[in-house]
Amino acid sequence: LVSCVIGIGGGGAEHDPRGAGKGAPLSSLEMDGVWAYLPGIGINPYQGMQQVSATMAKTNPFQFIQQVRAEAAKIVWPTRREVLLTTIMVFVMAALTALFFSVVDLLIKGGLQMILDMAG
């Protein structure tokens, strides 16, 4: 089982995942930005706390629109035939699954009914 704690913000006890005012502030939380904690095997569960840099590129709205249009042009839409075939396959698989679970349900019901008839 893997757990992870990620947060955004500045340092101080209010951002300490152990709770406000419990122990010394974590050094990785002393800086503004994004922090992450991935638990390790050690005794101190907070020694794995690390600062993760969160820098984003600055773009103006015109460049953003150009980038969006360029990415949208890369989209490959499925053909009508592909959509029809995959839709039919979904319905067929759903029907087969329903049939399978109906048979399993009948077998379980029959087995339980037989056990109850023997007992009572």
C-alpha atoms as a PDB file:
ATOM      1  CA  LEU A   1       0.000   0.000   0.000  1.00  0.00           C
ATOM      2  CA  VAL A   2       1.504   3.319  -1.059  1.00  0.00           C
ATOM      3  CA  SER A   3       0.344   6.634   0.288  1.00  0.00           C
ATOM      4  CA  CYS A   4       1.342  10.148  -0.648  1.00  0.00           C
ATOM      5  CA  VAL A   5       0.664  13.622   0.721  1.00  0.00           C
ATOM      6  CA  ILE A   6       0.943  16.568  -1.682  1.00  0.00           C
ATOM      7  CA  GLY A   7       0.262  20.167  -0.844  1.00  0.00           C
ATOM      8  CA  ILE A   8       0.662  23.651  -2.251  1.00  0.00           C
ATOM      9  CA  GLY A   9       1.574  26.667  -0.226  1.00  0.00           C
ATOM     10  CA  GLY A  10       4.066  28.293   2.053  1.00  0.00           C
ATOM     11  CA  GLY A  11       5.867  26.982   5.101  1.00  0.00           C
ATOM     12  CA  GLY A  12       5.069  27.022   8.756  1.00  0.00           C
ATOM     13  CA  ALA A  13       3.185  24.891  11.210  1.00  0.00           C
ATOM     14  CA  GLU A  14      -0.157  25.526   9.504  1.00  0.00           C
ATOM     15  CA  HIS A  15       1.050  23.466   6.511  1.00  0.00           C
ATOM     16  CA  ASP A  16       2.589  20.703   8.614  1.00  0.00           C
ATOM     17  CA  PRO A  17       0.703  17.466   7.780  1.00  0.00           C
ATOM     18  CA  ARG A  18       1.242  16.355  11.384  1.00  0.00           C
ATOM     19  CA  GLY A  19      -1.010  19.197  12.513  1.00  0.00           C
ATOM     20  CA  ALA A  20      -0.470  22.779  13.625  1.00  0.00           C
ATOM     21  CA  GLY A  21       1.909  23.249  16.509  1.00  0.00           C
ATOM     22  CA  LYS A  22       3.028  19.600  16.791  1.00  0.00           C
ATOM     23  CA  GLY A  23       6.802  19.636  16.841  1.00  0.00           C
ATOM     24  CA  ALA A  24       9.202  21.714  14.811  1.00  0.00           C
ATOM     25  CA  PRO A  25       8.159  22.806  11.324  1.00  0.00           C
ATOM     26  CA  LEU A  26       9.399  20.592   8.528  1.00  0.00           C
ATOM     27  CA  SER A  27      12.339  22.099   6.658  1.00  0.00           C
ATOM     28  CA  SER A  28      10.860  21.261   3.261  1.00  0.00           C
ATOM     29  CA  LEU A  29       7.782  23.304   4.161  1.00  0.00           C
ATOM     30  CA  GLU A  30       9.748  26.445   4.952  1.00  0.00           C
ATOM     31  CA  MET A  31       9.715  27.489   1.279  1.00  0.00           C
ATOM     32  CA  ASP A  32       6.751  28.449  -0.879  1.00  0.00           C
ATOM     33  CA  GLY A  33       5.790  25.993  -3.580  1.00  0.00           C
ATOM     34  CA  VAL A  34       4.646  22.413  -3.866  1.00  0.00           C
ATOM     35  CA  TRP A  35       5.742  19.801  -1.359  1.00  0.00           C
ATOM     36  CA  ALA A  36       5.351  16.062  -1.378  1.00  0.00           C
ATOM     37  CA  TYR A  37       5.742  13.346   1.219  1.00  0.00           C
ATOM     38  CA  LEU A  38       6.350   9.763   0.180  1.00  0.00           C
ATOM     39  CA  PRO A  39       6.611   7.564   3.272  1.00  0.00           C
ATOM     40  CA  GLY A  40       9.685   5.427   3.645  1.00  0.00           C
ATOM     41  CA  ILE A  41      10.664   2.554   5.872  1.00  0.00           C
ATOM     42  CA  GLY A  42      12.477   4.662   8.483  1.00  0.00           C
ATOM     43  CA  ILE A  43      11.276   5.379  12.009  1.00  0.00           C
ATOM     44  CA  ASN A  44      10.633   9.077  11.310  1.00  0.00           C
ATOM     45  CA  PRO A  45       7.742   9.118   8.795  1.00  0.00           C
ATOM     46  CA  TYR A  46       8.410  12.776   7.927  1.00  0.00           C
ATOM     47  CA  GLN A  47      12.019  12.350   6.795  1.00  0.00           C
ATOM     48  CA  GLY A  48      10.770  11.592   3.262  1.00  0.00           C
ATOM     49  CA  MET A  49       9.280  15.084   2.884  1.00  0.00           C
ATOM     50  CA  GLN A  50      10.818  16.745  -0.155  1.00  0.00           C
ATOM     51  CA  GLN A  51      10.354  20.065  -1.946  1.00  0.00           C
ATOM     52  CA  VAL A  52       9.098  19.657  -5.505  1.00  0.00           C
ATOM     53  CA  SER A  53       9.657  22.619  -7.775  1.00  0.00           C
ATOM     54  CA  ALA A  54       6.524  23.923  -9.458  1.00  0.00           C
ATOM     55  CA  THR A  55       7.596  26.272 -12.215  1.00  0.00           C
ATOM     56  CA  MET A  56       5.234  26.959 -15.085  1.00  0.00           C
ATOM     57  CA  ALA A  57       6.097  28.523 -18.404  1.00  0.00           C
ATOM     58  CA  LYS A  58       4.645  31.982 -18.948  1.00  0.00           C
ATOM     59  CA  THR A  59       2.716  32.427 -22.194  1.00  0.00           C
ATOM     60  CA  ASN A  60       0.528  35.222 -23.414  1.00  0.00           C
ATOM     61  CA  PRO A  61      -3.101  34.550 -24.432  1.00  0.00           C
ATOM     62  CA  PHE A  62      -2.302  34.677 -28.183  1.00  0.00           C
ATOM     63  CA  GLN A  63       0.385  31.984 -27.839  1.00  0.00           C
ATOM     64  CA  PHE A  64      -1.963  29.912 -25.705  1.00  0.00           C
ATOM     65  CA  ILE A  65      -4.692  30.018 -28.383  1.00  0.00           C
ATOM     66  CA  GLN A  66      -2.127  29.055 -31.043  1.00  0.00           C
ATOM     67  CA  GLN A  67      -0.966  26.104 -28.946  1.00  0.00           C
ATOM     68  CA  VAL A  68      -4.546  24.975 -28.338  1.00  0.00           C
ATOM     69  CA  ARG A  69      -5.339  25.111 -32.060  1.00  0.00           C
ATOM     70  CA  ALA A  70      -2.137  23.190 -32.882  1.00  0.00           C
ATOM     71  CA  GLU A  71      -3.014  20.454 -30.362  1.00  0.00           C
ATOM     72  CA  ALA A  72      -6.647  20.320 -31.552  1.00  0.00           C
ATOM     73  CA  ALA A  73      -5.420  19.794 -35.124  1.00  0.00           C
ATOM     74  CA  LYS A  74      -3.634  16.604 -33.961  1.00  0.00           C
ATOM     75  CA  ILE A  75      -6.891  14.941 -32.879  1.00  0.00           C
ATOM     76  CA  VAL A  76      -7.794  11.917 -34.983  1.00  0.00           C
ATOM     77  CA  TRP A  77     -11.511  11.250 -34.806  1.00  0.00           C
ATOM     78  CA  PRO A  78     -12.780   7.685 -35.299  1.00  0.00           C
ATOM     79  CA  THR A  79     -14.618   6.879 -38.500  1.00  0.00           C
ATOM     80  CA  ARG A  80     -18.335   6.110 -38.527  1.00  0.00           C
ATOM     81  CA  ARG A  81     -17.529   2.420 -39.112  1.00  0.00           C
ATOM     82  CA  GLU A  82     -15.135   2.292 -36.128  1.00  0.00           C
ATOM     83  CA  VAL A  83     -17.736   3.874 -33.850  1.00  0.00           C
ATOM     84  CA  LEU A  84     -20.417   1.448 -35.060  1.00  0.00           C
ATOM     85  CA  LEU A  85     -18.198  -1.625 -34.589  1.00  0.00           C
ATOM     86  CA  THR A  86     -17.006  -0.641 -31.119  1.00  0.00           C
ATOM     87  CA  THR A  87     -20.577   0.183 -30.056  1.00  0.00           C
ATOM     88  CA  ILE A  88     -21.774  -3.236 -31.231  1.00  0.00           C
ATOM     89  CA  MET A  89     -18.874  -4.897 -29.396  1.00  0.00           C
ATOM     90  CA  VAL A  90     -19.784  -3.095 -26.170  1.00  0.00           C
ATOM     91  CA  PHE A  91     -23.398  -4.310 -26.414  1.00  0.00           C
ATOM     92  CA  VAL A  92     -22.292  -7.875 -27.226  1.00  0.00           C
ATOM     93  CA  MET A  93     -19.849  -7.968 -24.305  1.00  0.00           C
ATOM     94  CA  ALA A  94     -22.479  -6.504 -21.953  1.00  0.00           C
ATOM     95  CA  ALA A  95     -24.974  -9.183 -23.056  1.00  0.00           C
ATOM     96  CA  LEU A  96     -22.403 -11.974 -22.583  1.00  0.00           C
ATOM     97  CA  THR A  97     -21.502 -10.647 -19.144  1.00  0.00           C
ATOM     98  CA  ALA A  98     -25.175 -10.468 -18.141  1.00  0.00           C
ATOM     99  CA  LEU A  99     -25.714 -14.030 -19.371  1.00  0.00           C
ATOM    100  CA  PHE A 100     -22.655 -15.287 -17.491  1.00  0.00           C
ATOM    101  CA  PHE A 101     -23.696 -13.710 -14.184  1.00  0.00           C
ATOM    102  CA  SER A 102     -27.280 -14.911 -14.633  1.00  0.00           C
ATOM    103  CA  VAL A 103     -26.044 -18.502 -15.008  1.00  0.00           C
ATOM    104  CA  VAL A 104     -23.749 -18.133 -11.993  1.00  0.00           C
ATOM    105  CA  ASP A 105     -26.641 -16.677  -9.981  1.00  0.00           C
ATOM    106  CA  LEU A 106     -28.909 -19.600 -10.933  1.00  0.00           C
ATOM    107  CA  LEU A 107     -26.205 -22.111  -9.966  1.00  0.00           C
ATOM    108  CA  ILE A 108     -25.638 -20.454  -6.587  1.00  0.00           C
ATOM    109  CA  LYS A 109     -29.391 -20.231  -5.982  1.00  0.00           C
ATOM    110  CA  GLY A 110     -29.859 -23.911  -6.865  1.00  0.00           C
ATOM    111  CA  GLY A 111     -26.951 -24.969  -4.647  1.00  0.00           C
ATOM    112  CA  LEU A 112     -28.186 -22.974  -1.683  1.00  0.00           C
ATOM    113  CA  GLN A 113     -31.746 -24.245  -2.194  1.00  0.00           C
ATOM    114  CA  MET A 114     -30.438 -27.842  -2.209  1.00  0.00           C
ATOM    115  CA  ILE A 115     -28.448 -27.256   1.006  1.00  0.00           C
ATOM    116  CA  LEU A 116     -31.448 -25.650   2.727  1.00  0.00           C
ATOM    117  CA  ASP A 117     -33.770 -28.462   1.612  1.00  0.00           C
ATOM    118  CA  MET A 118     -31.383 -31.049   3.117  1.00  0.00           C
ATOM    119  CA  ALA A 119     -31.099 -29.132   6.388  1.00  0.00           C
ATOM    120  CA  GLY A 120     -34.743 -28.443   6.923  1.00  0.00           C
END
